[in-house]
N, C-alpha and C. Protein backbone atom coordinates (compact mmCIF):
# COMPACT_ATOMS: atom_id res chain seq x y z
N MET A 1 255.40 242.54 64.98
CA MET A 1 255.25 242.82 66.41
C MET A 1 254.95 241.67 67.17
N LYS A 2 254.06 240.83 66.56
CA LYS A 2 253.58 239.56 67.49
C LYS A 2 254.97 238.69 67.61
N HIS A 3 255.69 238.57 66.54
CA HIS A 3 256.90 237.78 66.60
C HIS A 3 257.89 238.29 67.60
N PHE A 4 258.07 239.59 67.68
CA PHE A 4 258.92 240.25 68.60
C PHE A 4 258.36 240.07 69.91
N THR A 5 257.10 240.07 70.33
CA THR A 5 256.46 239.98 71.58
C THR A 5 256.80 238.61 72.14
N LYS A 6 256.65 237.62 71.17
CA LYS A 6 257.04 236.29 71.63
C LYS A 6 258.34 236.03 72.12
N LEU A 7 259.42 236.66 71.24
CA LEU A 7 260.84 236.47 71.67
C LEU A 7 261.01 237.21 72.97
N ALA A 8 260.37 238.40 73.21
CA ALA A 8 260.54 239.17 74.37
C ALA A 8 260.20 238.32 75.59
N LEU A 9 259.01 237.70 75.48
CA LEU A 9 258.51 236.81 76.56
C LEU A 9 259.38 235.72 76.95
N LEU A 10 259.93 235.08 75.74
CA LEU A 10 260.67 233.94 76.00
C LEU A 10 262.03 234.33 76.76
N SER A 11 262.57 235.49 76.25
CA SER A 11 263.80 236.00 76.98
C SER A 11 263.51 236.25 78.41
N LEU A 12 262.32 236.86 78.70
CA LEU A 12 261.99 237.14 80.06
C LEU A 12 261.87 235.90 80.91
N PHE A 13 261.29 234.92 80.28
CA PHE A 13 261.21 233.62 80.94
C PHE A 13 262.52 233.00 81.45
N PHE A 14 263.56 233.10 80.59
CA PHE A 14 264.91 232.59 80.94
C PHE A 14 265.58 233.47 81.91
N MET A 15 265.42 234.80 81.72
CA MET A 15 266.16 235.73 82.56
C MET A 15 265.66 235.65 84.02
N THR A 16 264.32 235.45 84.15
CA THR A 16 263.89 235.43 85.63
C THR A 16 263.96 234.02 86.24
N GLY A 17 264.52 233.12 85.51
CA GLY A 17 264.71 231.87 86.15
C GLY A 17 263.50 230.93 86.26
N CYS A 18 262.57 231.06 85.36
CA CYS A 18 261.33 230.28 85.51
C CYS A 18 261.46 228.82 85.00
N GLY A 19 262.56 228.53 84.24
CA GLY A 19 262.80 227.16 83.79
C GLY A 19 263.69 226.39 84.82
N THR A 20 263.97 225.11 84.35
CA THR A 20 264.90 224.38 85.11
C THR A 20 266.24 224.90 85.01
N THR A 21 267.02 224.99 86.19
CA THR A 21 268.24 225.63 86.08
C THR A 21 269.43 224.51 86.27
N SER A 22 269.09 223.29 86.54
CA SER A 22 269.95 222.20 86.72
C SER A 22 269.77 221.00 85.88
N HIS A 23 270.80 220.34 85.45
CA HIS A 23 270.60 219.11 84.59
C HIS A 23 271.85 218.28 84.89
N ILE A 24 271.62 216.96 84.77
CA ILE A 24 272.72 215.95 84.90
C ILE A 24 273.34 215.82 83.50
N THR A 25 274.63 215.96 83.61
CA THR A 25 275.51 215.82 82.32
C THR A 25 276.04 214.34 82.03
N SER A 26 276.12 213.55 83.18
CA SER A 26 276.46 212.16 83.02
C SER A 26 276.26 211.41 84.40
N SER A 27 275.92 210.19 84.41
CA SER A 27 275.75 209.52 85.62
C SER A 27 276.21 207.98 85.34
N TRP A 28 276.58 207.44 86.45
CA TRP A 28 277.25 206.02 86.41
C TRP A 28 276.75 205.25 87.56
N ARG A 29 276.43 203.91 87.41
CA ARG A 29 276.08 203.12 88.53
C ARG A 29 276.87 201.79 88.47
N ALA A 30 277.26 201.30 89.65
CA ALA A 30 277.96 200.02 89.66
C ALA A 30 277.13 198.86 89.10
N VAL A 31 277.83 197.82 88.48
CA VAL A 31 277.14 196.65 88.02
C VAL A 31 276.53 195.89 89.11
N ASP A 32 275.27 195.46 88.75
CA ASP A 32 274.52 194.61 89.71
C ASP A 32 274.14 195.23 91.03
N VAL A 33 274.18 196.58 91.15
CA VAL A 33 273.84 197.30 92.34
C VAL A 33 272.24 197.19 92.56
N GLN A 34 271.77 196.90 93.79
CA GLN A 34 270.39 196.96 94.06
C GLN A 34 270.03 197.81 95.35
N PRO A 35 268.97 198.32 95.32
CA PRO A 35 268.57 199.22 96.48
C PRO A 35 268.51 198.28 97.71
N LYS A 36 268.72 198.72 98.77
CA LYS A 36 268.59 198.07 100.12
C LYS A 36 268.33 199.01 101.22
N GLU A 37 268.07 198.35 102.38
CA GLU A 37 267.71 199.23 103.55
C GLU A 37 269.07 199.69 104.15
N TYR A 38 269.22 201.02 104.28
CA TYR A 38 270.44 201.48 104.89
C TYR A 38 269.99 202.03 106.31
N LYS A 39 270.72 201.72 107.25
CA LYS A 39 270.35 202.14 108.72
C LYS A 39 270.54 203.63 108.81
N LYS A 40 271.62 204.29 108.07
CA LYS A 40 271.83 205.72 108.27
C LYS A 40 272.62 206.14 107.14
N ILE A 41 272.04 207.14 106.27
CA ILE A 41 272.80 207.68 105.21
C ILE A 41 273.23 209.09 105.60
N VAL A 42 274.46 209.47 105.51
CA VAL A 42 274.88 210.81 105.86
C VAL A 42 275.23 211.49 104.38
N VAL A 43 274.69 212.74 104.34
CA VAL A 43 274.94 213.53 103.22
C VAL A 43 275.95 214.58 103.53
N LEU A 44 277.01 214.41 102.68
CA LEU A 44 278.20 215.24 103.03
C LEU A 44 278.60 216.22 101.90
N GLY A 45 278.43 217.47 102.21
CA GLY A 45 278.81 218.54 101.21
C GLY A 45 280.29 218.94 101.33
N LEU A 46 280.91 218.82 100.13
CA LEU A 46 282.22 219.24 100.01
C LEU A 46 282.30 220.54 99.19
N ILE A 47 282.02 221.71 99.90
CA ILE A 47 281.90 223.02 99.38
C ILE A 47 282.61 224.08 100.18
N ARG A 48 283.24 224.95 99.61
CA ARG A 48 284.12 225.80 100.43
C ARG A 48 283.41 226.60 101.47
N ASP A 49 284.04 227.11 102.44
CA ASP A 49 283.65 227.93 103.42
C ASP A 49 282.77 229.12 103.06
N ALA A 50 283.23 229.64 102.06
CA ALA A 50 282.59 230.87 101.49
C ALA A 50 281.11 230.59 101.19
N ASP A 51 280.88 229.36 100.88
CA ASP A 51 279.46 229.00 100.43
C ASP A 51 278.90 228.00 101.47
N LYS A 52 279.19 228.28 102.74
CA LYS A 52 278.75 227.39 103.83
C LYS A 52 277.21 227.32 103.89
N THR A 53 276.58 228.45 103.61
CA THR A 53 275.00 228.35 103.64
C THR A 53 274.51 227.43 102.52
N LEU A 54 275.05 227.59 101.42
CA LEU A 54 274.70 226.70 100.24
C LEU A 54 275.01 225.23 100.62
N ARG A 55 276.11 224.93 101.31
CA ARG A 55 276.41 223.59 101.66
C ARG A 55 275.35 222.96 102.61
N GLU A 56 274.96 223.82 103.53
CA GLU A 56 273.95 223.31 104.49
C GLU A 56 272.60 223.10 103.80
N LYS A 57 272.21 224.00 103.01
CA LYS A 57 270.94 223.85 102.35
C LYS A 57 270.88 222.68 101.31
N MET A 58 272.06 222.49 100.67
CA MET A 58 272.17 221.26 99.80
C MET A 58 272.04 220.03 100.54
N GLU A 59 272.70 219.90 101.59
CA GLU A 59 272.59 218.77 102.47
C GLU A 59 271.17 218.51 103.01
N GLN A 60 270.61 219.50 103.58
CA GLN A 60 269.25 219.50 104.12
C GLN A 60 268.14 219.03 103.10
N HIS A 61 268.27 219.66 101.91
CA HIS A 61 267.26 219.21 100.98
C HIS A 61 267.36 217.76 100.42
N ILE A 62 268.67 217.34 100.30
CA ILE A 62 268.76 215.96 99.82
C ILE A 62 268.47 215.08 101.02
N VAL A 63 268.70 215.41 102.13
CA VAL A 63 268.22 214.52 103.33
C VAL A 63 266.77 214.46 103.26
N ASP A 64 266.06 215.65 103.17
CA ASP A 64 264.53 215.59 103.15
C ASP A 64 264.11 214.72 102.00
N ASP A 65 264.67 214.73 100.83
CA ASP A 65 264.24 213.94 99.66
C ASP A 65 264.42 212.50 99.94
N LEU A 66 265.48 212.11 100.59
CA LEU A 66 265.80 210.71 101.06
C LEU A 66 264.88 210.25 102.06
N LYS A 67 264.55 211.15 102.98
CA LYS A 67 263.48 210.70 103.99
C LYS A 67 262.10 210.55 103.43
N GLU A 68 261.70 211.17 102.37
CA GLU A 68 260.48 211.08 101.67
C GLU A 68 260.37 209.64 101.15
N LEU A 69 261.54 208.95 100.87
CA LEU A 69 261.60 207.66 100.31
C LEU A 69 261.57 206.58 101.50
N GLY A 70 261.67 207.06 102.72
CA GLY A 70 261.72 206.22 103.92
C GLY A 70 263.10 205.86 104.41
N TYR A 71 264.07 206.65 103.98
CA TYR A 71 265.44 206.35 104.44
C TYR A 71 265.75 207.29 105.71
N ASN A 72 266.62 206.65 106.64
CA ASN A 72 267.12 207.54 107.72
C ASN A 72 268.29 208.28 107.25
N ALA A 73 268.21 209.53 106.93
CA ALA A 73 269.29 210.33 106.42
C ALA A 73 269.56 211.56 107.22
N VAL A 74 270.80 211.95 107.47
CA VAL A 74 271.22 213.02 108.22
C VAL A 74 272.24 213.91 107.55
N CYS A 75 272.21 215.19 107.94
CA CYS A 75 273.26 216.26 107.38
C CYS A 75 274.48 215.99 108.14
N SER A 76 275.62 216.10 107.30
CA SER A 76 276.99 216.13 107.93
C SER A 76 277.05 217.28 108.76
N CYS A 77 276.41 218.37 108.34
CA CYS A 77 276.56 219.75 109.08
C CYS A 77 275.98 219.54 110.52
N GLU A 78 275.22 218.48 110.74
CA GLU A 78 274.69 218.32 112.15
C GLU A 78 275.55 217.42 112.95
N GLU A 79 276.50 216.59 112.26
CA GLU A 79 277.20 215.74 113.01
C GLU A 79 278.79 215.93 112.80
N TYR A 80 279.12 216.47 111.74
CA TYR A 80 280.53 216.58 111.37
C TYR A 80 280.83 218.08 110.74
N ASN A 81 281.99 218.48 110.69
CA ASN A 81 282.35 219.63 109.92
C ASN A 81 283.00 219.27 108.58
N PRO A 82 283.03 220.12 107.71
CA PRO A 82 283.44 219.69 106.26
C PRO A 82 284.94 219.17 106.41
N LYS A 83 285.75 219.50 107.33
CA LYS A 83 287.10 218.96 107.38
C LYS A 83 287.20 217.97 108.51
N ALA A 84 286.21 217.27 108.78
CA ALA A 84 286.27 216.32 109.89
C ALA A 84 287.19 215.23 109.63
N PHE A 85 287.41 214.72 108.31
CA PHE A 85 288.17 213.64 108.05
C PHE A 85 289.48 214.09 107.38
N GLU A 86 289.83 215.40 107.49
CA GLU A 86 290.99 215.93 106.77
C GLU A 86 292.40 215.17 107.07
N ASN A 87 292.58 214.96 108.39
CA ASN A 87 293.93 214.51 108.76
C ASN A 87 293.77 213.05 109.13
N MET A 88 292.66 212.38 108.71
CA MET A 88 292.57 210.88 109.05
C MET A 88 292.94 210.01 108.02
N SER A 89 293.29 208.81 108.41
CA SER A 89 293.54 207.75 107.45
C SER A 89 292.23 207.23 106.88
N GLU A 90 292.27 206.41 105.94
CA GLU A 90 291.00 205.83 105.36
C GLU A 90 290.28 204.99 106.33
N LYS A 91 291.18 204.21 107.07
CA LYS A 91 290.67 203.26 108.03
C LYS A 91 289.95 203.99 109.22
N ASP A 92 290.56 205.12 109.79
CA ASP A 92 290.05 205.96 110.74
C ASP A 92 288.77 206.67 110.39
N ALA A 93 288.70 207.14 109.12
CA ALA A 93 287.53 207.92 108.62
C ALA A 93 286.41 206.95 108.55
N ILE A 94 286.52 205.80 107.98
CA ILE A 94 285.54 204.80 107.91
C ILE A 94 284.98 204.40 109.27
N ALA A 95 285.96 204.06 110.07
CA ALA A 95 285.64 203.71 111.56
C ALA A 95 284.84 204.73 112.26
N LYS A 96 285.16 206.08 112.00
CA LYS A 96 284.34 207.17 112.56
C LYS A 96 282.89 207.17 112.11
N LEU A 97 282.76 206.93 110.86
CA LEU A 97 281.41 206.91 110.27
C LEU A 97 280.61 205.60 110.88
N ARG A 98 281.26 204.55 110.81
CA ARG A 98 280.57 203.43 111.24
C ARG A 98 280.24 203.38 112.76
N ASN A 99 281.14 203.97 113.64
CA ASN A 99 280.86 204.11 115.05
C ASN A 99 279.63 204.89 115.19
N SER A 100 279.22 205.86 114.42
CA SER A 100 278.13 206.65 114.56
C SER A 100 276.81 206.02 113.74
N GLY A 101 276.97 204.86 113.34
CA GLY A 101 275.89 204.13 112.72
C GLY A 101 275.71 204.36 111.22
N VAL A 102 276.62 205.03 110.65
CA VAL A 102 276.49 205.40 109.11
C VAL A 102 276.91 204.22 108.33
N ASP A 103 276.09 203.74 107.45
CA ASP A 103 276.51 202.58 106.50
C ASP A 103 276.30 203.15 105.08
N ALA A 104 276.14 204.40 104.78
CA ALA A 104 276.24 204.91 103.37
C ALA A 104 276.43 206.38 103.44
N VAL A 105 277.23 206.88 102.41
CA VAL A 105 277.55 208.36 102.30
C VAL A 105 277.30 208.92 100.93
N LEU A 106 276.55 209.95 100.86
CA LEU A 106 276.24 210.56 99.61
C LEU A 106 277.02 211.89 99.61
N THR A 107 278.02 212.15 98.80
CA THR A 107 278.56 213.37 98.69
C THR A 107 277.99 214.28 97.76
N VAL A 108 278.16 215.69 98.06
CA VAL A 108 277.81 216.69 97.07
C VAL A 108 279.00 217.61 97.06
N THR A 109 279.63 217.65 95.82
CA THR A 109 280.89 218.37 95.62
C THR A 109 280.69 219.61 94.65
N LEU A 110 281.04 220.81 95.01
CA LEU A 110 281.06 221.87 94.04
C LEU A 110 282.32 221.90 93.42
N LEU A 111 282.49 221.32 92.23
CA LEU A 111 283.71 221.25 91.68
C LEU A 111 284.33 222.63 91.08
N ASP A 112 283.33 223.42 90.58
CA ASP A 112 283.81 224.69 90.13
C ASP A 112 282.59 225.57 90.11
N LYS A 113 282.81 226.93 90.10
CA LYS A 113 281.87 227.96 89.95
C LYS A 113 282.40 229.14 89.13
N ALA A 114 281.76 229.21 87.99
CA ALA A 114 282.32 230.19 87.00
C ALA A 114 281.31 231.26 86.62
N LYS A 115 281.75 232.41 86.34
CA LYS A 115 280.84 233.58 85.76
C LYS A 115 281.09 233.63 84.33
N GLU A 116 279.92 233.87 83.66
CA GLU A 116 279.92 234.06 82.19
C GLU A 116 279.25 235.41 81.92
N LYS A 117 279.83 236.14 81.04
CA LYS A 117 279.29 237.46 80.55
C LYS A 117 278.98 237.34 79.20
N TYR A 118 277.81 237.79 78.78
CA TYR A 118 277.45 237.83 77.29
C TYR A 118 276.56 239.01 76.96
N TYR A 119 276.58 239.31 75.73
CA TYR A 119 276.04 240.59 75.28
C TYR A 119 274.67 240.37 74.60
N VAL A 120 273.63 240.99 75.08
CA VAL A 120 272.26 241.00 74.63
C VAL A 120 272.10 242.11 73.74
N LYS A 121 271.67 241.90 72.45
CA LYS A 121 271.61 242.81 71.46
C LYS A 121 270.33 243.69 71.82
N GLY A 122 270.18 244.98 71.10
CA GLY A 122 269.17 245.87 71.26
C GLY A 122 267.92 245.26 70.61
N ARG A 123 266.86 246.09 70.45
CA ARG A 123 265.57 245.54 70.04
C ARG A 123 265.39 245.70 68.56
N PHE A 124 266.33 245.90 67.74
CA PHE A 124 266.19 246.15 66.31
C PHE A 124 265.79 244.84 65.73
N GLU A 125 264.72 244.88 64.88
CA GLU A 125 264.18 243.72 64.12
C GLU A 125 263.45 244.09 62.90
N TYR A 126 263.59 243.26 61.80
CA TYR A 126 262.92 243.64 60.59
C TYR A 126 261.48 243.19 60.69
N ALA A 127 260.54 244.10 60.07
CA ALA A 127 259.07 243.82 60.21
C ALA A 127 258.55 244.20 58.68
N PRO A 128 257.57 243.51 58.32
CA PRO A 128 257.05 243.78 57.01
C PRO A 128 256.62 245.25 56.84
N TYR A 129 256.73 245.90 55.69
CA TYR A 129 256.42 247.30 55.53
C TYR A 129 254.96 247.51 55.84
N ASN A 130 254.08 246.58 55.51
CA ASN A 130 252.60 246.87 55.59
C ASN A 130 252.13 246.68 57.05
N GLU A 131 252.99 246.45 57.99
CA GLU A 131 252.56 246.32 59.42
C GLU A 131 252.37 247.70 59.99
N TYR A 132 252.90 248.76 59.40
CA TYR A 132 252.93 250.04 59.97
C TYR A 132 252.44 251.05 58.90
N PRO A 133 251.14 251.04 58.57
CA PRO A 133 250.70 251.98 57.59
C PRO A 133 250.55 253.39 57.95
N ASN A 134 250.74 253.62 59.19
CA ASN A 134 250.73 255.05 59.78
C ASN A 134 252.12 255.43 60.02
N PHE A 135 252.41 256.67 59.53
CA PHE A 135 253.85 257.07 59.75
C PHE A 135 254.38 257.17 61.10
N TYR A 136 253.52 257.78 61.94
CA TYR A 136 253.86 257.94 63.38
C TYR A 136 254.07 256.69 64.20
N ASN A 137 253.11 255.63 63.91
CA ASN A 137 253.38 254.32 64.68
C ASN A 137 254.74 253.72 64.15
N TYR A 138 255.05 253.82 62.84
CA TYR A 138 256.23 253.37 62.35
C TYR A 138 257.43 254.06 63.08
N TYR A 139 257.36 255.36 62.98
CA TYR A 139 258.47 256.13 63.57
C TYR A 139 258.64 255.86 65.00
N ARG A 140 257.52 255.66 65.90
CA ARG A 140 257.81 255.48 67.32
C ARG A 140 258.37 254.08 67.54
N THR A 141 257.75 253.11 66.85
CA THR A 141 258.27 251.67 67.13
C THR A 141 259.65 251.45 66.63
N THR A 142 259.97 252.07 65.40
CA THR A 142 261.34 251.87 64.91
C THR A 142 262.36 252.62 65.70
N PHE A 143 261.92 253.84 66.10
CA PHE A 143 262.79 254.60 67.05
C PHE A 143 263.34 253.80 68.19
N GLU A 144 262.44 253.11 68.86
CA GLU A 144 262.74 252.33 70.02
C GLU A 144 263.62 251.26 69.67
N ARG A 145 263.38 250.62 68.55
CA ARG A 145 264.23 249.42 68.21
C ARG A 145 265.75 249.86 67.86
N VAL A 146 265.83 251.08 67.04
CA VAL A 146 267.04 251.51 66.59
C VAL A 146 267.87 252.09 67.73
N TYR A 147 267.27 252.69 68.77
CA TYR A 147 268.01 253.45 69.82
C TYR A 147 268.04 252.81 71.05
N THR A 148 267.46 251.59 71.19
CA THR A 148 267.53 250.84 72.41
C THR A 148 268.80 250.09 72.43
N PRO A 149 269.80 250.54 73.29
CA PRO A 149 271.20 249.86 73.37
C PRO A 149 271.13 248.48 73.88
N GLY A 150 272.14 247.72 73.49
CA GLY A 150 272.20 246.28 74.04
C GLY A 150 272.92 246.48 75.48
N TYR A 151 273.00 245.30 76.10
CA TYR A 151 273.60 245.36 77.37
C TYR A 151 274.24 243.91 77.73
N PHE A 152 275.06 243.99 78.73
CA PHE A 152 275.89 242.77 79.14
C PHE A 152 275.05 242.12 80.38
N VAL A 153 275.02 240.81 80.26
CA VAL A 153 274.43 240.10 81.31
C VAL A 153 275.42 239.10 81.89
N GLU A 154 275.52 238.98 83.21
CA GLU A 154 276.51 238.05 83.88
C GLU A 154 275.83 236.94 84.58
N ASN A 155 276.01 235.68 84.18
CA ASN A 155 275.48 234.51 84.76
C ASN A 155 276.49 233.77 85.52
N THR A 156 276.05 232.92 86.46
CA THR A 156 276.98 231.99 87.19
C THR A 156 276.65 230.58 86.86
N LYS A 157 277.67 229.72 86.57
CA LYS A 157 277.41 228.35 86.28
C LYS A 157 278.19 227.62 87.37
N TYR A 158 277.37 226.60 87.91
CA TYR A 158 278.01 225.68 88.97
C TYR A 158 278.09 224.27 88.36
N PHE A 159 279.35 223.54 88.62
CA PHE A 159 279.67 222.35 88.30
C PHE A 159 279.74 221.43 89.44
N TRP A 160 278.82 220.38 89.47
CA TRP A 160 278.62 219.42 90.70
C TRP A 160 279.06 218.11 90.35
N GLU A 161 279.27 217.34 91.39
CA GLU A 161 279.52 215.91 91.28
C GLU A 161 278.95 215.37 92.63
N SER A 162 278.16 214.25 92.48
CA SER A 162 277.67 213.55 93.73
C SER A 162 278.03 212.05 93.56
N ASN A 163 278.53 211.58 94.64
CA ASN A 163 278.88 210.08 94.72
C ASN A 163 278.30 209.42 95.97
N PHE A 164 277.93 208.13 95.63
CA PHE A 164 277.13 207.37 96.70
C PHE A 164 278.09 206.19 97.09
N TYR A 165 278.50 206.19 98.43
CA TYR A 165 279.37 204.98 98.81
C TYR A 165 278.71 204.09 99.89
N GLU A 166 278.92 202.87 99.72
CA GLU A 166 278.46 201.89 100.75
C GLU A 166 279.51 201.59 101.70
N MET A 167 279.37 201.87 103.04
CA MET A 167 280.43 201.73 104.09
C MET A 167 280.80 200.27 104.30
N THR A 168 279.86 199.33 104.20
CA THR A 168 280.12 197.83 104.31
C THR A 168 281.18 197.36 103.45
N SER A 169 281.06 197.71 102.18
CA SER A 169 281.99 197.16 101.29
C SER A 169 283.11 198.27 100.87
N GLY A 170 282.73 199.50 101.18
CA GLY A 170 283.55 200.59 100.84
C GLY A 170 283.62 201.03 99.29
N GLN A 171 282.52 200.49 98.71
CA GLN A 171 282.52 200.66 97.19
C GLN A 171 281.74 201.76 96.80
N LEU A 172 282.09 202.44 95.69
CA LEU A 172 281.26 203.44 94.96
C LEU A 172 280.17 202.79 94.23
N LEU A 173 279.00 203.14 94.46
CA LEU A 173 277.79 202.54 93.89
C LEU A 173 277.08 203.47 92.76
N TYR A 174 277.35 204.73 92.95
CA TYR A 174 276.74 205.80 91.99
C TYR A 174 277.54 207.02 91.89
N SER A 175 277.67 207.58 90.76
CA SER A 175 278.28 208.87 90.54
C SER A 175 277.60 209.65 89.46
N SER A 176 277.50 210.96 89.64
CA SER A 176 276.86 211.75 88.73
C SER A 176 277.56 213.15 88.65
N GLN A 177 277.50 213.71 87.45
CA GLN A 177 278.15 215.12 87.22
C GLN A 177 276.89 215.91 86.70
N SER A 178 276.82 217.18 87.18
CA SER A 178 275.73 218.07 86.64
C SER A 178 276.12 219.48 86.64
N GLN A 179 275.31 220.31 86.02
CA GLN A 179 275.49 221.70 85.97
C GLN A 179 274.30 222.52 86.40
N SER A 180 274.49 223.60 87.09
CA SER A 180 273.37 224.53 87.43
C SER A 180 273.64 225.86 86.84
N PHE A 181 272.72 226.39 86.13
CA PHE A 181 272.97 227.68 85.52
C PHE A 181 272.10 228.75 86.19
N ASP A 182 272.77 229.75 86.76
CA ASP A 182 272.28 230.97 87.30
C ASP A 182 271.01 230.74 88.06
N PRO A 183 271.08 230.03 89.07
CA PRO A 183 269.88 229.82 89.93
C PRO A 183 269.33 231.09 90.42
N ALA A 184 268.01 231.19 90.64
CA ALA A 184 267.32 232.38 91.27
C ALA A 184 267.75 232.58 92.76
N SER A 185 268.02 231.47 93.37
CA SER A 185 268.37 231.60 94.83
C SER A 185 269.14 230.26 95.20
N SER A 186 269.79 230.29 96.38
CA SER A 186 270.48 229.09 96.82
C SER A 186 269.55 228.10 97.34
N GLN A 187 268.25 228.59 97.79
CA GLN A 187 267.23 227.79 98.22
C GLN A 187 266.62 226.99 97.03
N ARG A 188 266.38 227.70 95.91
CA ARG A 188 265.83 227.04 94.79
C ARG A 188 266.89 225.98 94.25
N LEU A 189 268.13 226.35 94.10
CA LEU A 189 269.16 225.56 93.73
C LEU A 189 269.26 224.31 94.50
N SER A 190 269.20 224.41 95.78
CA SER A 190 269.31 223.20 96.65
C SER A 190 268.09 222.22 96.47
N HIS A 191 266.88 222.99 96.45
CA HIS A 191 265.73 222.04 96.32
C HIS A 191 265.70 221.35 94.98
N GLU A 192 265.99 222.02 93.92
CA GLU A 192 265.99 221.50 92.51
C GLU A 192 267.08 220.35 92.51
N TYR A 193 268.33 220.63 93.00
CA TYR A 193 269.38 219.71 92.86
C TYR A 193 269.02 218.29 93.61
N GLY A 194 268.58 218.56 94.90
CA GLY A 194 268.20 217.40 95.70
C GLY A 194 267.31 216.46 95.07
N GLN A 195 266.26 217.03 94.39
CA GLN A 195 265.12 216.16 93.78
C GLN A 195 265.75 215.54 92.55
N MET A 196 266.64 216.27 91.92
CA MET A 196 267.17 215.70 90.61
C MET A 196 268.09 214.51 90.97
N ILE A 197 269.05 214.63 91.82
CA ILE A 197 269.85 213.57 92.13
C ILE A 197 269.15 212.38 92.79
N VAL A 198 268.32 212.57 93.78
CA VAL A 198 267.57 211.40 94.34
C VAL A 198 266.65 210.74 93.24
N LYS A 199 266.24 211.51 92.43
CA LYS A 199 265.30 210.92 91.25
C LYS A 199 266.16 210.08 90.32
N ASP A 200 267.36 210.49 90.03
CA ASP A 200 268.25 209.89 89.17
C ASP A 200 268.70 208.56 89.85
N MET A 201 269.15 208.63 91.05
CA MET A 201 269.59 207.40 91.85
C MET A 201 268.34 206.39 91.81
N LYS A 202 267.27 206.87 92.05
CA LYS A 202 266.11 205.93 92.12
C LYS A 202 265.93 205.36 90.64
N LYS A 203 266.08 206.12 89.69
CA LYS A 203 265.89 205.78 88.19
C LYS A 203 266.96 204.64 87.92
N ASN A 204 268.14 204.82 88.39
CA ASN A 204 269.14 203.83 88.19
C ASN A 204 269.27 202.61 89.18
N TYR A 205 268.09 202.55 89.89
CA TYR A 205 267.90 201.44 90.78
C TYR A 205 269.04 201.30 91.89
N VAL A 206 269.49 202.44 92.43
CA VAL A 206 270.52 202.60 93.45
C VAL A 206 269.90 202.60 94.84
N ILE A 207 268.67 203.37 94.72
CA ILE A 207 267.88 203.48 95.92
C ILE A 207 266.36 203.23 95.55
N SER A 208 265.49 203.06 96.42
CA SER A 208 264.09 202.84 96.04
C SER A 208 263.25 203.42 97.13
N ASP A 209 261.84 203.43 96.87
CA ASP A 209 260.91 203.98 97.81
C ASP A 209 260.71 202.87 98.91
N GLN A 210 261.27 203.20 100.03
CA GLN A 210 261.26 202.17 101.13
C GLN A 210 259.81 201.97 101.66
N LYS A 211 258.89 202.82 101.28
CA LYS A 211 257.61 202.76 101.84
C LYS A 211 256.76 201.89 100.83
N ALA A 212 257.23 201.57 99.80
CA ALA A 212 256.51 200.77 98.72
C ALA A 212 257.35 199.46 98.46
N PRO A 213 256.56 198.44 97.94
CA PRO A 213 257.23 197.19 97.54
C PRO A 213 258.33 197.47 96.47
N VAL A 214 259.41 196.81 96.59
CA VAL A 214 260.52 197.00 95.59
C VAL A 214 260.26 196.14 94.43
N LEU A 215 260.16 196.81 93.29
CA LEU A 215 259.86 196.02 92.00
C LEU A 215 261.13 196.21 91.06
N LYS A 216 261.76 195.13 90.82
CA LYS A 216 262.84 195.15 89.99
C LYS A 216 262.49 195.45 88.56
N PRO A 217 263.13 196.41 87.83
CA PRO A 217 262.83 196.64 86.34
C PRO A 217 262.88 195.52 85.58
N MET A 218 262.12 195.48 84.45
CA MET A 218 262.17 194.39 83.45
C MET A 218 263.40 194.41 82.60
């Protein structure tokens, strides 16, 4: 029974989304990249119109995390629409950003969103015979295990990509791919993703805490 209780609690932990729902699967940084002062970083979400609210929350949370490090960051949703550069040439798109004072862009792209369905077995589990010396206790406990049916659970998995571009050189300085598994809410997903990406960029020495002295890693 004790073993079963532990398993039940562990299952409940994951089903209610108490653990981390996002993780980075791979990341890359340009050679010799170093953090610098950027006058204005725009966070640009490339997410379908059906998930417009998620896009805005993603952008805002990442903006807030960058601001905590001392950067001047803004949401694209405040200055541009998702298709603002759709029919522009590369030269015109970069000129549009530069004219508004932007010298770096951090993109957040929802590459795919897939639903997964899996079967959760019923409660049947073997227990030592001496754990139930009383017939009725054994009967009631075993009855529940045998006759509790299994059920299907559907989860949603998100596949993300984030790139950091410097406008002066036009170069890609950082790129990461990540997955989010069945987040409890778009608010939580956005909060968690923003912290994760900004932390990884800082870890890879792409950005730094502008409020503190910059120390190059050994």
